[in-house]
């Protein structure tokens, strides 16, 4: 929903703005250019802008995967 998108943008502190609609109802969305790495527990691990190469991002993601340790279950789970 639009509310969920706004909440996600706020949580990750990214910029997002929908431009005006054209005659067909289409619009362009201006936004931050970042890729976020989130682990299986939903925790933020890293973010990548446009500077790193694909190989650098792949190495970083692999390093995070190799060092990942799941969070312990919360009480009552």
Protein backbone atom coordinates (compact mmCIF):
# COMPACT_ATOMS: atom_id res chain seq x y z
CA UNK A 1 0.00 0.00 0.00
CA UNK A 2 1.14 3.62 -0.30
CA UNK A 3 1.31 3.77 3.50
CA UNK A 4 3.63 0.74 3.62
CA UNK A 5 5.88 2.28 0.97
CA UNK A 6 6.10 5.52 2.96
CA UNK A 7 6.87 3.57 6.15
CA UNK A 8 9.61 1.54 4.43
CA UNK A 9 11.14 4.69 2.93
CA UNK A 10 11.14 6.36 6.35
CA UNK A 11 12.61 3.29 8.06
CA UNK A 12 15.51 3.15 5.58
CA UNK A 13 15.79 6.94 5.35
CA UNK A 14 15.51 7.04 1.58
CA UNK A 15 14.13 9.76 -0.60
CA UNK A 16 11.14 8.96 -2.81
CA UNK A 17 8.82 11.29 -4.68
CA UNK A 18 6.22 10.54 -7.35
CA UNK A 19 6.14 13.08 -10.15
CA UNK A 20 3.05 14.42 -11.85
CA UNK A 21 0.88 12.07 -13.90
CA UNK A 22 0.80 12.46 -17.66
CA UNK A 23 -2.28 12.23 -19.89
CA UNK A 24 -2.13 8.41 -19.71
CA UNK A 25 -1.91 8.41 -15.91
CA UNK A 26 1.75 7.34 -15.93
CA UNK A 27 4.33 8.98 -13.69
CA UNK A 28 8.02 8.86 -12.86
CA UNK A 29 9.25 8.16 -9.33
CA UNK A 30 12.39 9.98 -8.23
CA UNK A 31 14.22 8.06 -5.49
CA UNK A 32 17.50 7.34 -3.76
CA UNK A 33 19.75 5.04 -5.74
CA UNK A 34 20.74 2.46 -3.15
CA UNK A 35 20.53 -1.30 -2.83
CA UNK A 36 20.00 -2.56 0.70
CA UNK A 37 21.18 -5.91 2.04
CA UNK A 38 18.81 -7.31 4.67
CA UNK A 39 19.46 -10.65 6.34
CA UNK A 40 16.89 -13.44 6.78
CA UNK A 41 16.00 -12.02 10.20
CA UNK A 42 15.11 -8.67 8.59
CA UNK A 43 18.15 -6.88 10.00
CA UNK A 44 19.95 -4.28 7.89
CA UNK A 45 23.45 -5.47 6.97
CA UNK A 46 24.79 -3.13 4.27
CA UNK A 47 23.85 -0.78 1.49
CA UNK A 48 25.43 -0.15 -1.88
CA UNK A 49 25.34 2.97 -3.99
CA UNK A 50 26.33 3.21 -7.63
CA UNK A 51 30.11 3.24 -7.05
CA UNK A 52 30.89 -0.42 -6.24
CA UNK A 53 31.29 -2.84 -9.11
CA UNK A 54 29.12 -5.94 -9.37
CA UNK A 55 32.10 -8.01 -8.26
CA UNK A 56 32.62 -5.83 -5.17
CA UNK A 57 28.96 -6.09 -4.22
CA UNK A 58 29.03 -9.86 -4.77
CA UNK A 59 32.10 -10.20 -2.52
CA UNK A 60 30.43 -8.13 0.17
CA UNK A 61 27.18 -10.09 -0.01
CA UNK A 62 29.10 -13.39 0.11
CA UNK A 63 31.05 -12.19 3.17
CA UNK A 64 27.80 -11.28 4.92
CA UNK A 65 26.32 -14.66 3.98
CA UNK A 66 29.38 -16.51 5.25
CA UNK A 67 29.34 -14.67 8.60
CA UNK A 68 25.56 -14.80 9.12
CA UNK A 69 24.33 -16.21 12.40
CA UNK A 70 20.56 -16.34 12.98
CA UNK A 71 19.17 -14.40 15.88
CA UNK A 72 18.12 -16.59 18.78
CA UNK A 73 14.35 -17.16 18.96
CA UNK A 74 12.44 -14.79 21.18
CA UNK A 75 10.87 -16.18 24.32
CA UNK A 76 7.55 -17.84 23.60
CA UNK A 77 8.41 -18.84 20.04
